[in-house]
C-alpha atoms as a PDB file:
ATOM      1  CA  MET A   1     -11.543  35.279  -0.316  1.00  0.00           C
ATOM      2  CA  PRO A   2      -8.547  35.367   2.309  1.00  0.00           C
ATOM      3  CA  GLU A   3      -5.213  37.172   1.216  1.00  0.00           C
ATOM      4  CA  ARG A   4      -2.707  34.877   0.450  1.00  0.00           C
ATOM      5  CA  HIS A   5       0.635  34.477   2.529  1.00  0.00           C
ATOM      6  CA  ARG A   6       3.444  36.422   0.933  1.00  0.00           C
ATOM      7  CA  VAL A   7       6.855  35.195   1.162  1.00  0.00           C
ATOM      8  CA  ALA A   8       9.972  36.590   0.172  1.00  0.00           C
ATOM      9  CA  THR A   9      13.133  34.792  -0.380  1.00  0.00           C
ATOM     10  CA  VAL A  10      16.150  37.344   0.311  1.00  0.00           C
ATOM     11  CA  ILE A  11      19.669  35.970  -1.368  1.00  0.00           C
ATOM     12  CA  CYS A  12      22.982  37.818  -1.762  1.00  0.00           C
ATOM     13  CA  ASP A  13      26.170  37.516  -3.695  1.00  0.00           C
ATOM     14  CA  GLN A  14      27.463  33.968  -3.908  1.00  0.00           C
ATOM     15  CA  ALA A  15      24.027  32.425  -2.906  1.00  0.00           C
ATOM     16  CA  LYS A  16      24.043  28.475  -2.959  1.00  0.00           C
ATOM     17  CA  ALA A  17      21.950  27.187  -6.194  1.00  0.00           C
ATOM     18  CA  PHE A  18      19.938  24.335  -4.013  1.00  0.00           C
ATOM     19  CA  GLU A  19      19.135  26.130  -1.485  1.00  0.00           C
ATOM     20  CA  LEU A  20      17.897  29.158  -3.574  1.00  0.00           C
ATOM     21  CA  ALA A  21      15.551  26.906  -5.688  1.00  0.00           C
ATOM     22  CA  THR A  22      14.163  24.937  -2.495  1.00  0.00           C
ATOM     23  CA  PRO A  23      11.814  27.988  -1.454  1.00  0.00           C
ATOM     24  CA  VAL A  24      11.119  28.766  -5.303  1.00  0.00           C
ATOM     25  CA  GLU A  25       9.884  25.222  -6.211  1.00  0.00           C
ATOM     26  CA  VAL A  26       8.208  24.711  -2.448  1.00  0.00           C
ATOM     27  CA  PHE A  27       6.274  28.573  -2.465  1.00  0.00           C
ATOM     28  CA  GLY A  28       6.833  29.660  -5.905  1.00  0.00           C
ATOM     29  CA  THR A  29       5.203  27.138  -7.490  1.00  0.00           C
ATOM     30  CA  ASP A  30       1.621  27.689  -7.604  1.00  0.00           C
ATOM     31  CA  ARG A  31      -0.591  24.479  -6.463  1.00  0.00           C
ATOM     32  CA  SER A  32      -3.562  26.139  -5.841  1.00  0.00           C
ATOM     33  CA  TYR A  33      -5.350  22.847  -7.374  1.00  0.00           C
ATOM     34  CA  LEU A  34      -4.729  21.106  -3.596  1.00  0.00           C
ATOM     35  CA  GLY A  35      -7.908  23.256  -2.540  1.00  0.00           C
ATOM     36  CA  VAL A  36      -6.195  26.224  -0.594  1.00  0.00           C
ATOM     37  CA  GLN A  37      -4.663  29.474  -1.450  1.00  0.00           C
ATOM     38  CA  TRP A  38      -1.130  28.853  -2.082  1.00  0.00           C
ATOM     39  CA  TYR A  39       1.670  31.555  -1.542  1.00  0.00           C
ATOM     40  CA  GLU A  40       2.671  34.220  -3.296  1.00  0.00           C
ATOM     41  CA  HIS A  41       6.345  34.439  -3.602  1.00  0.00           C
ATOM     42  CA  ARG A  42       9.399  36.878  -4.833  1.00  0.00           C
ATOM     43  CA  LEU A  43      12.887  36.582  -4.826  1.00  0.00           C
ATOM     44  CA  CYS A  44      14.573  39.575  -3.592  1.00  0.00           C
ATOM     45  CA  ALA A  45      18.029  40.423  -3.371  1.00  0.00           C
ATOM     46  CA  ALA A  46      19.918  44.069  -2.320  1.00  0.00           C
ATOM     47  CA  SER A  47      20.932  44.652  -5.462  1.00  0.00           C
ATOM     48  CA  SER A  48      20.833  43.103  -9.421  1.00  0.00           C
ATOM     49  CA  PRO A  49      22.119  40.793 -11.095  1.00  0.00           C
ATOM     50  CA  VAL A  50      23.420  38.371  -8.397  1.00  0.00           C
ATOM     51  CA  SER A  51      26.399  36.207  -8.561  1.00  0.00           C
ATOM     52  CA  ILE A  52      25.438  32.372  -7.858  1.00  0.00           C
ATOM     53  CA  TYR A  53      28.347  30.325  -6.408  1.00  0.00           C
ATOM     54  CA  GLY A  54      29.191  27.931  -9.845  1.00  0.00           C
ATOM     55  CA  GLY A  55      29.506  30.651 -11.637  1.00  0.00           C
ATOM     56  CA  PHE A  56      26.370  31.830 -13.186  1.00  0.00           C
ATOM     57  CA  THR A  57      23.739  34.915 -11.955  1.00  0.00           C
ATOM     58  CA  ILE A  58      20.167  35.290 -11.218  1.00  0.00           C
ATOM     59  CA  ASP A  59      18.468  38.593 -11.942  1.00  0.00           C
ATOM     60  CA  THR A  60      15.372  39.608  -9.789  1.00  0.00           C
ATOM     61  CA  GLN A  61      13.069  42.683 -10.497  1.00  0.00           C
ATOM     62  CA  TYR A  62      12.622  42.417  -6.516  1.00  0.00           C
ATOM     63  CA  GLY A  63      14.682  44.551  -4.052  1.00  0.00           C
ATOM     64  CA  LEU A  64      14.818  44.388  -0.093  1.00  0.00           C
ATOM     65  CA  ASP A  65      11.799  46.731   0.281  1.00  0.00           C
ATOM     66  CA  GLU A  66      10.120  43.343  -0.357  1.00  0.00           C
ATOM     67  CA  LEU A  67      10.721  42.403   3.592  1.00  0.00           C
ATOM     68  CA  ALA A  68       8.248  44.910   4.444  1.00  0.00           C
ATOM     69  CA  TRP A  69       5.735  43.513   2.307  1.00  0.00           C
ATOM     70  CA  ALA A  70       6.611  39.426   3.427  1.00  0.00           C
ATOM     71  CA  ASP A  71       4.802  37.261   6.001  1.00  0.00           C
ATOM     72  CA  THR A  72       7.547  35.106   5.641  1.00  0.00           C
ATOM     73  CA  ILE A  73      10.939  35.656   4.732  1.00  0.00           C
ATOM     74  CA  ILE A  74      13.589  32.768   3.934  1.00  0.00           C
ATOM     75  CA  ILE A  75      17.360  33.859   3.975  1.00  0.00           C
ATOM     76  CA  ALA A  76      19.358  31.047   1.427  1.00  0.00           C
ATOM     77  CA  PRO A  77      22.984  30.795   2.452  1.00  0.00           C
ATOM     78  CA  THR A  78      25.815  32.038   1.046  1.00  0.00           C
ATOM     79  CA  ASN A  79      29.604  31.746   0.556  1.00  0.00           C
ATOM     80  CA  SER A  80      30.336  35.160   1.377  1.00  0.00           C
ATOM     81  CA  ARG A  81      31.073  36.561   4.782  1.00  0.00           C
ATOM     82  CA  ASN A  82      30.097  40.412   3.818  1.00  0.00           C
ATOM     83  CA  TYR A  83      26.436  40.956   4.184  1.00  0.00           C
ATOM     84  CA  PRO A  84      24.659  43.667   3.212  1.00  0.00           C
ATOM     85  CA  SER A  85      23.961  46.040   6.481  1.00  0.00           C
ATOM     86  CA  GLU A  86      20.691  47.017   4.698  1.00  0.00           C
ATOM     87  CA  LEU A  87      19.570  43.950   4.881  1.00  0.00           C
ATOM     88  CA  LEU A  88      20.676  42.965   8.482  1.00  0.00           C
ATOM     89  CA  GLU A  89      18.239  46.401   9.771  1.00  0.00           C
ATOM     90  CA  ARG A  90      15.728  45.191   7.163  1.00  0.00           C
ATOM     91  CA  LEU A  91      15.364  41.770   8.619  1.00  0.00           C
ATOM     92  CA  VAL A  92      15.596  43.093  12.173  1.00  0.00           C
ATOM     93  CA  HIS A  93      12.738  45.609  11.446  1.00  0.00           C
ATOM     94  CA  ALA A  94      10.571  43.105   9.830  1.00  0.00           C
ATOM     95  CA  HIS A  95      11.227  40.408  12.930  1.00  0.00           C
ATOM     96  CA  ARG A  96      10.155  43.610  14.918  1.00  0.00           C
ATOM     97  CA  ARG A  97       6.554  44.107  13.306  1.00  0.00           C
ATOM     98  CA  GLY A  98       6.028  40.047  13.342  1.00  0.00           C
ATOM     99  CA  ALA A  99       7.343  38.259   9.899  1.00  0.00           C
ATOM    100  CA  ARG A 100       8.043  34.412  10.524  1.00  0.00           C
ATOM    101  CA  LEU A 101      11.763  33.770   9.368  1.00  0.00           C
ATOM    102  CA  VAL A 102      13.374  31.332   7.778  1.00  0.00           C
ATOM    103  CA  THR A 103      17.185  30.148   7.107  1.00  0.00           C
ATOM    104  CA  LEU A 104      18.404  27.416   5.461  1.00  0.00           C
ATOM    105  CA  CYS A 105      21.946  25.723   6.106  1.00  0.00           C
ATOM    106  CA  THR A 106      24.233  28.843   6.694  1.00  0.00           C
ATOM    107  CA  GLY A 107      21.589  31.528   6.413  1.00  0.00           C
ATOM    108  CA  THR A 108      21.360  31.070  10.330  1.00  0.00           C
ATOM    109  CA  PHE A 109      24.818  33.447  10.593  1.00  0.00           C
ATOM    110  CA  ILE A 110      22.985  36.044   8.504  1.00  0.00           C
ATOM    111  CA  LEU A 111      20.161  36.135  11.233  1.00  0.00           C
ATOM    112  CA  ALA A 112      22.678  35.743  14.332  1.00  0.00           C
ATOM    113  CA  GLU A 113      24.758  39.040  12.776  1.00  0.00           C
ATOM    114  CA  ALA A 114      21.711  41.078  12.564  1.00  0.00           C
ATOM    115  CA  GLY A 115      21.348  40.207  16.677  1.00  0.00           C
ATOM    116  CA  LEU A 116      17.991  38.334  16.200  1.00  0.00           C
ATOM    117  CA  LEU A 117      19.066  34.678  17.642  1.00  0.00           C
ATOM    118  CA  ASP A 118      21.094  35.738  21.206  1.00  0.00           C
ATOM    119  CA  GLY A 119      18.773  33.043  23.483  1.00  0.00           C
ATOM    120  CA  ARG A 120      17.225  31.262  20.512  1.00  0.00           C
ATOM    121  CA  ARG A 121      17.373  27.824  20.056  1.00  0.00           C
ATOM    122  CA  VAL A 122      18.867  27.375  16.375  1.00  0.00           C
ATOM    123  CA  THR A 123      20.351  24.826  13.817  1.00  0.00           C
ATOM    124  CA  THR A 124      23.231  25.234  10.654  1.00  0.00           C
ATOM    125  CA  HIS A 125      25.491  22.676   8.974  1.00  0.00           C
ATOM    126  CA  TRP A 126      27.360  20.329  11.556  1.00  0.00           C
ATOM    127  CA  MET A 127      30.311  21.482   9.228  1.00  0.00           C
ATOM    128  CA  ARG A 128      30.413  25.188  10.381  1.00  0.00           C
ATOM    129  CA  SER A 129      28.473  24.588  13.987  1.00  0.00           C
ATOM    130  CA  ASP A 130      31.868  24.669  15.978  1.00  0.00           C
ATOM    131  CA  GLU A 131      32.745  28.229  14.127  1.00  0.00           C
ATOM    132  CA  PHE A 132      29.177  29.408  14.359  1.00  0.00           C
ATOM    133  CA  ALA A 133      29.063  28.955  18.425  1.00  0.00           C
ATOM    134  CA  ALA A 134      32.958  30.311  18.903  1.00  0.00           C
ATOM    135  CA  THR A 135      31.337  34.066  16.926  1.00  0.00           C
ATOM    136  CA  TYR A 136      27.774  33.577  18.939  1.00  0.00           C
ATOM    137  CA  PRO A 137      28.270  32.241  22.182  1.00  0.00           C
ATOM    138  CA  LYS A 138      24.440  33.799  22.981  1.00  0.00           C
ATOM    139  CA  VAL A 139      22.952  31.776  20.619  1.00  0.00           C
ATOM    140  CA  VAL A 140      21.219  28.242  21.509  1.00  0.00           C
ATOM    141  CA  LEU A 141      23.135  25.735  18.759  1.00  0.00           C
ATOM    142  CA  ASP A 142      22.039  22.449  18.176  1.00  0.00           C
ATOM    143  CA  ALA A 143      23.728  21.367  15.834  1.00  0.00           C
ATOM    144  CA  ASN A 144      22.612  17.604  16.140  1.00  0.00           C
ATOM    145  CA  VAL A 145      19.139  18.039  14.325  1.00  0.00           C
ATOM    146  CA  LEU A 146      17.611  19.283  10.634  1.00  0.00           C
ATOM    147  CA  TYR A 147      15.762  21.849  11.451  1.00  0.00           C
ATOM    148  CA  VAL A 148      14.287  23.818  14.433  1.00  0.00           C
ATOM    149  CA  ASP A 149      10.909  25.780  14.662  1.00  0.00           C
ATOM    150  CA  ASP A 150      11.519  28.181  17.270  1.00  0.00           C
ATOM    151  CA  GLY A 151       7.926  29.343  16.910  1.00  0.00           C
ATOM    152  CA  ASP A 152       8.426  33.017  14.499  1.00  0.00           C
ATOM    153  CA  ILE A 153      12.289  31.778  13.673  1.00  0.00           C
ATOM    154  CA  LEU A 154      13.050  28.781  11.859  1.00  0.00           C
ATOM    155  CA  THR A 155      16.442  27.307  10.864  1.00  0.00           C
ATOM    156  CA  SER A 156      17.888  24.327   9.422  1.00  0.00           C
ATOM    157  CA  ALA A 157      21.158  22.282   8.422  1.00  0.00           C
ATOM    158  CA  GLY A 158      22.550  21.585   5.251  1.00  0.00           C
ATOM    159  CA  THR A 159      21.142  21.366   1.663  1.00  0.00           C
ATOM    160  CA  ALA A 160      18.355  18.532   2.054  1.00  0.00           C
ATOM    161  CA  ALA A 161      17.261  19.827   4.854  1.00  0.00           C
ATOM    162  CA  GLY A 162      15.783  23.279   3.956  1.00  0.00           C
ATOM    163  CA  ILE A 163      13.710  20.872   2.092  1.00  0.00           C
ATOM    164  CA  ASP A 164      12.579  19.499   5.190  1.00  0.00           C
ATOM    165  CA  LEU A 165      12.113  22.645   6.810  1.00  0.00           C
ATOM    166  CA  CYS A 166      10.071  24.176   3.908  1.00  0.00           C
ATOM    167  CA  LEU A 167       7.609  21.187   3.525  1.00  0.00           C
ATOM    168  CA  HIS A 168       6.974  21.605   7.665  1.00  0.00           C
ATOM    169  CA  VAL A 169       6.381  25.380   7.111  1.00  0.00           C
ATOM    170  CA  VAL A 170       3.732  24.161   4.504  1.00  0.00           C
ATOM    171  CA  ARG A 171       2.660  21.694   6.922  1.00  0.00           C
ATOM    172  CA  ASN A 172       2.172  24.156   9.926  1.00  0.00           C
ATOM    173  CA  ASP A 173      -0.209  26.547   7.384  1.00  0.00           C
ATOM    174  CA  PHE A 174      -1.740  23.965   5.189  1.00  0.00           C
ATOM    175  CA  GLY A 175      -1.987  20.791   7.414  1.00  0.00           C
ATOM    176  CA  ALA A 176      -0.216  17.083   6.752  1.00  0.00           C
ATOM    177  CA  GLU A 177      -1.847  16.052   3.754  1.00  0.00           C
ATOM    178  CA  ILE A 178      -1.059  19.196   1.981  1.00  0.00           C
ATOM    179  CA  ALA A 179       2.501  18.677   3.150  1.00  0.00           C
ATOM    180  CA  ASN A 180       3.108  15.242   1.680  1.00  0.00           C
ATOM    181  CA  ASP A 181       1.393  15.906  -1.764  1.00  0.00           C
ATOM    182  CA  VAL A 182       3.900  18.083  -1.923  1.00  0.00           C
ATOM    183  CA  ALA A 183       6.424  16.100  -1.443  1.00  0.00           C
ATOM    184  CA  ARG A 184       4.884  13.153  -3.254  1.00  0.00           C
ATOM    185  CA  ARG A 185       5.253  16.021  -6.625  1.00  0.00           C
ATOM    186  CA  MET A 186       9.056  16.297  -5.746  1.00  0.00           C
ATOM    187  CA  VAL A 187       9.717  12.846  -5.063  1.00  0.00           C
ATOM    188  CA  VAL A 188      11.223  13.488  -1.217  1.00  0.00           C
ATOM    189  CA  PRO A 189      10.259  11.963   1.974  1.00  0.00           C
ATOM    190  CA  PRO A 190       7.189  14.463   3.589  1.00  0.00           C
ATOM    191  CA  HIS A 191       9.682  13.969   6.908  1.00  0.00           C
ATOM    192  CA  ARG A 192      12.536  12.743   7.528  1.00  0.00           C
ATOM    193  CA  GLU A 193      13.456  11.431  11.318  1.00  0.00           C
ATOM    194  CA  GLY A 194      16.404  11.743  13.180  1.00  0.00           C
ATOM    195  CA  GLY A 195      19.401  14.659  12.982  1.00  0.00           C
ATOM    196  CA  GLN A 196      22.354  15.284  11.130  1.00  0.00           C
ATOM    197  CA  ALA A 197      24.366  13.257  13.169  1.00  0.00           C
ATOM    198  CA  GLN A 198      23.391  10.258  10.991  1.00  0.00           C
ATOM    199  CA  PHE A 199      25.505  12.600   8.160  1.00  0.00           C
ATOM    200  CA  VAL A 200      28.851  13.698  10.088  1.00  0.00           C
ATOM    201  CA  ASP A 201      31.727  11.805   9.063  1.00  0.00           C
ATOM    202  CA  ARG A 202      30.420   8.348   8.577  1.00  0.00           C
ATOM    203  CA  SER A 203      29.396   6.236   5.187  1.00  0.00           C
ATOM    204  CA  ILE A 204      26.701   4.004   6.046  1.00  0.00           C
ATOM    205  CA  ASP A 205      27.935   0.446   5.006  1.00  0.00           C
ATOM    206  CA  ARG A 206      25.633  -0.633   2.300  1.00  0.00           C
ATOM    207  CA  THR A 207      25.243  -4.256   2.710  1.00  0.00           C
ATOM    208  CA  SER A 208      23.071  -6.792   0.943  1.00  0.00           C
ATOM    209  CA  ASP A 209      20.455  -6.509   3.707  1.00  0.00           C
ATOM    210  CA  ASN A 210      19.835  -2.779   3.056  1.00  0.00           C
ATOM    211  CA  ASP A 211      17.446  -3.907   0.563  1.00  0.00           C
ATOM    212  CA  LEU A 212      15.501  -6.045   3.655  1.00  0.00           C
ATOM    213  CA  PHE A 213      15.787  -2.869   5.971  1.00  0.00           C
ATOM    214  CA  ALA A 214      13.825  -0.959   3.388  1.00  0.00           C
ATOM    215  CA  ASP A 215      11.245  -3.578   2.900  1.00  0.00           C
ATOM    216  CA  THR A 216      10.947  -3.341   6.746  1.00  0.00           C
ATOM    217  CA  LEU A 217      10.963   0.377   7.456  1.00  0.00           C
ATOM    218  CA  SER A 218       8.383   0.096   4.142  1.00  0.00           C
ATOM    219  CA  TRP A 219       6.083  -2.819   5.968  1.00  0.00           C
ATOM    220  CA  VAL A 220       5.714  -0.450   9.171  1.00  0.00           C
ATOM    221  CA  GLU A 221       4.152   2.241   7.292  1.00  0.00           C
ATOM    222  CA  ASP A 222       1.559  -0.025   6.021  1.00  0.00           C
ATOM    223  CA  ASN A 223       1.072  -1.581   9.325  1.00  0.00           C
ATOM    224  CA  LEU A 224       1.282   1.123  11.942  1.00  0.00           C
ATOM    225  CA  HIS A 225      -2.375   0.370  13.122  1.00  0.00           C
ATOM    226  CA  GLY A 226      -1.018  -3.545  14.458  1.00  0.00           C
ATOM    227  CA  ASP A 227       1.456  -4.566  17.381  1.00  0.00           C
ATOM    228  CA  ILE A 228       5.298  -3.780  16.277  1.00  0.00           C
ATOM    229  CA  THR A 229       8.205  -5.042  18.198  1.00  0.00           C
ATOM    230  CA  VAL A 230      12.093  -4.578  17.686  1.00  0.00           C
ATOM    231  CA  ASP A 231      12.557  -8.321  17.458  1.00  0.00           C
ATOM    232  CA  ASP A 232       9.701  -8.400  14.397  1.00  0.00           C
ATOM    233  CA  LEU A 233      11.865  -6.099  12.939  1.00  0.00           C
ATOM    234  CA  ALA A 234      14.866  -7.301  13.367  1.00  0.00           C
ATOM    235  CA  LYS A 235      13.628 -10.857  11.750  1.00  0.00           C
ATOM    236  CA  ARG A 236      12.159  -9.499   8.557  1.00  0.00           C
ATOM    237  CA  SER A 237      15.711  -7.694   8.286  1.00  0.00           C
ATOM    238  CA  ALA A 238      17.156 -10.873   8.571  1.00  0.00           C
ATOM    239  CA  MET A 239      19.119  -9.159  11.535  1.00  0.00           C
ATOM    240  CA  SER A 240      19.475  -9.575  15.489  1.00  0.00           C
ATOM    241  CA  PRO A 241      17.869  -7.168  17.635  1.00  0.00           C
ATOM    242  CA  ARG A 242      20.708  -5.522  18.782  1.00  0.00           C
ATOM    243  CA  THR A 243      22.220  -5.527  15.213  1.00  0.00           C
ATOM    244  CA  PHE A 244      18.891  -4.246  13.677  1.00  0.00           C
ATOM    245  CA  ALA A 245      18.876  -1.583  16.310  1.00  0.00           C
ATOM    246  CA  ARG A 246      22.438  -0.412  15.454  1.00  0.00           C
ATOM    247  CA  ARG A 247      21.829  -0.443  12.072  1.00  0.00           C
ATOM    248  CA  PHE A 248      18.311   1.787  12.180  1.00  0.00           C
ATOM    249  CA  LYS A 249      19.866   4.321  14.323  1.00  0.00           C
ATOM    250  CA  SER A 250      22.696   4.612  11.934  1.00  0.00           C
ATOM    251  CA  ILE A 251      20.402   5.208   9.073  1.00  0.00           C
ATOM    252  CA  THR A 252      17.548   7.247  10.381  1.00  0.00           C
ATOM    253  CA  GLY A 253      19.509   8.903  13.435  1.00  0.00           C
ATOM    254  CA  THR A 254      16.789   7.429  15.695  1.00  0.00           C
ATOM    255  CA  THR A 255      15.534   4.705  17.736  1.00  0.00           C
ATOM    256  CA  PRO A 256      12.716   2.606  16.347  1.00  0.00           C
ATOM    257  CA  HIS A 257      10.145   3.359  18.928  1.00  0.00           C
ATOM    258  CA  ASN A 258      10.617   6.653  18.128  1.00  0.00           C
ATOM    259  CA  TRP A 259      10.451   6.485  14.312  1.00  0.00           C
ATOM    260  CA  ILE A 260       7.607   4.181  14.686  1.00  0.00           C
ATOM    261  CA  ILE A 261       6.044   6.835  17.416  1.00  0.00           C
ATOM    262  CA  GLN A 262       6.279   9.914  14.687  1.00  0.00           C
ATOM    263  CA  ARG A 263       5.209   7.575  11.793  1.00  0.00           C
ATOM    264  CA  ARG A 264       2.050   7.474  14.002  1.00  0.00           C
ATOM    265  CA  VAL A 265       1.624  10.470  14.811  1.00  0.00           C
ATOM    266  CA  HIS A 266       1.917  11.774  11.196  1.00  0.00           C
ATOM    267  CA  LEU A 267      -0.701   9.213  10.323  1.00  0.00           C
ATOM    268  CA  ALA A 268      -2.936  10.105  13.090  1.00  0.00           C
ATOM    269  CA  GLN A 269      -2.730  13.589  11.463  1.00  0.00           C
ATOM    270  CA  ARG A 270      -3.885  12.618   8.336  1.00  0.00           C
ATOM    271  CA  LEU A 271      -6.531  10.427   9.574  1.00  0.00           C
ATOM    272  CA  LEU A 272      -7.531  14.281  11.910  1.00  0.00           C
ATOM    273  CA  GLU A 273      -7.408  16.207   8.594  1.00  0.00           C
ATOM    274  CA  THR A 274      -9.535  13.862   5.892  1.00  0.00           C
ATOM    275  CA  THR A 275     -11.836  12.142   8.211  1.00  0.00           C
ATOM    276  CA  ASP A 276     -14.944  13.006  10.789  1.00  0.00           C
ATOM    277  CA  ARG A 277     -13.815   9.451  12.963  1.00  0.00           C
ATOM    278  CA  PRO A 278     -13.922   9.769  16.659  1.00  0.00           C
ATOM    279  CA  ILE A 279     -10.585  10.575  18.282  1.00  0.00           C
ATOM    280  CA  SER A 280     -10.503   6.651  19.849  1.00  0.00           C
ATOM    281  CA  HIS A 281     -10.972   5.455  16.378  1.00  0.00           C
ATOM    282  CA  VAL A 282      -8.204   7.381  15.125  1.00  0.00           C
ATOM    283  CA  ALA A 283      -6.256   6.786  17.928  1.00  0.00           C
ATOM    284  CA  THR A 284      -6.556   2.767  16.557  1.00  0.00           C
ATOM    285  CA  ASP A 285      -6.327   3.496  13.123  1.00  0.00           C
ATOM    286  CA  SER A 286      -2.733   4.515  13.844  1.00  0.00           C
ATOM    287  CA  GLY A 287      -1.636   2.270  16.563  1.00  0.00           C
ATOM    288  CA  PHE A 288      -2.138   4.205  19.465  1.00  0.00           C
ATOM    289  CA  GLY A 289      -4.916   1.809  21.052  1.00  0.00           C
ATOM    290  CA  SER A 290      -6.709   4.319  22.989  1.00  0.00           C
ATOM    291  CA  ALA A 291      -7.299   8.028  22.597  1.00  0.00           C
ATOM    292  CA  THR A 292      -5.005   8.785  25.690  1.00  0.00           C
ATOM    293  CA  ASN A 293      -2.295   7.435  24.734  1.00  0.00           C
ATOM    294  CA  LEU A 294      -3.061   9.512  20.886  1.00  0.00           C
ATOM    295  CA  ARG A 295      -3.003  12.386  22.963  1.00  0.00           C
ATOM    296  CA  ASN A 296      -0.134  11.584  24.939  1.00  0.00           C
ATOM    297  CA  HIS A 297       2.112  10.894  22.137  1.00  0.00           C
ATOM    298  CA  PHE A 298       0.683  14.187  20.030  1.00  0.00           C
ATOM    299  CA  GLN A 299       0.700  16.675  22.408  1.00  0.00           C
ATOM    300  CA  ARG A 300       4.424  15.951  22.638  1.00  0.00           C
ATOM    301  CA  THR A 301       4.856  15.772  18.985  1.00  0.00           C
ATOM    302  CA  VAL A 302       2.540  18.589  17.943  1.00  0.00           C
ATOM    303  CA  GLN A 303       2.175  20.632  20.897  1.00  0.00           C
ATOM    304  CA  THR A 304      -1.633  20.677  20.442  1.00  0.00           C
ATOM    305  CA  THR A 305      -4.094  18.120  21.425  1.00  0.00           C
ATOM    306  CA  PRO A 306      -5.991  16.149  18.544  1.00  0.00           C
ATOM    307  CA  SER A 307      -9.075  17.727  19.028  1.00  0.00           C
ATOM    308  CA  SER A 308      -7.865  20.892  18.621  1.00  0.00           C
ATOM    309  CA  TYR A 309      -5.622  19.888  15.330  1.00  0.00           C
ATOM    310  CA  ARG A 310      -8.394  18.357  13.918  1.00  0.00           C
ATOM    311  CA  SER A 311     -10.299  22.087  14.374  1.00  0.00           C
ATOM    312  CA  MET A 312      -7.983  24.566  13.111  1.00  0.00           C
ATOM    313  CA  PHE A 313      -7.392  22.760  10.098  1.00  0.00           C
ATOM    314  CA  ARG A 314     -11.188  22.258   9.262  1.00  0.00           C
ATOM    315  CA  LEU A 315     -11.322  25.759   9.825  1.00  0.00           C
ATOM    316  CA  SER A 316      -8.352  26.641   7.746  1.00  0.00           C
ATOM    317  CA  GLN A 317      -9.645  24.139   4.737  1.00  0.00           C
ATOM    318  CA  SER A 318     -13.251  26.220   5.073  1.00  0.00           C
ATOM    319  CA  ALA A 319     -11.329  29.746   4.752  1.00  0.00           C
END
């Protein structure tokens, strides 16, 4: 039986409660009932108890020695600007030995302070993006996305984007079907499209057509195998095509075309993981029409071919 993947979530004084709870929920809840060898998770800190932003404390038996044990290290955000030097040093050592580093929200500042992000593409909360860019000019900051997967370093934007990134990690490790199951049990979307632009100093006009808009998106999810045009979606939402496209972008942060492609790719992932249907049939069932079209979009989105993806997750399930 393979060893369980070891995850350590590290917290500092004035840590944010929501963000530190997210990895505990995703990785620390035993989900071996899904048929996979679930993670072993530990919450660690430089010293204990740790003061949590909001007026309470958390006691943990695990110290920073756990960072030498972990395969994946998650850095929760903190309101403090004083990062323990021992933490920074241990993060550097962990990165050198090949640990995967994941930051939630402004936890990106901690990795940048450790000198691990120069030349790397990252994100952080949009409200502190200007400060981050000024403080760490050698880091490639993308403040318009919900998270960035840069291989061995993954970073997320504010609060709920931490859920998106943690589910993305599960999806990378165990496949879309397992990640979707975790999302359903948490009652959150398995994957959100768009980026932070949809949240920056902007409120969405909640008019009566929002119900029709939501119904239209649900209809799309059920009909990804068929032909879908913006004109059809606009009619279903009782809008003109131009108004629909503008409303769609303001709510999702992306275009209808890109959103539909993403949903079709995720459907193809599930079919590849859970069925033995030929690639050409998967392409038809997910709305891509041809195997060539599926391969092009799949490669662009998932960074691998449908055949390689299926082989990888079949191997992981049999391990």
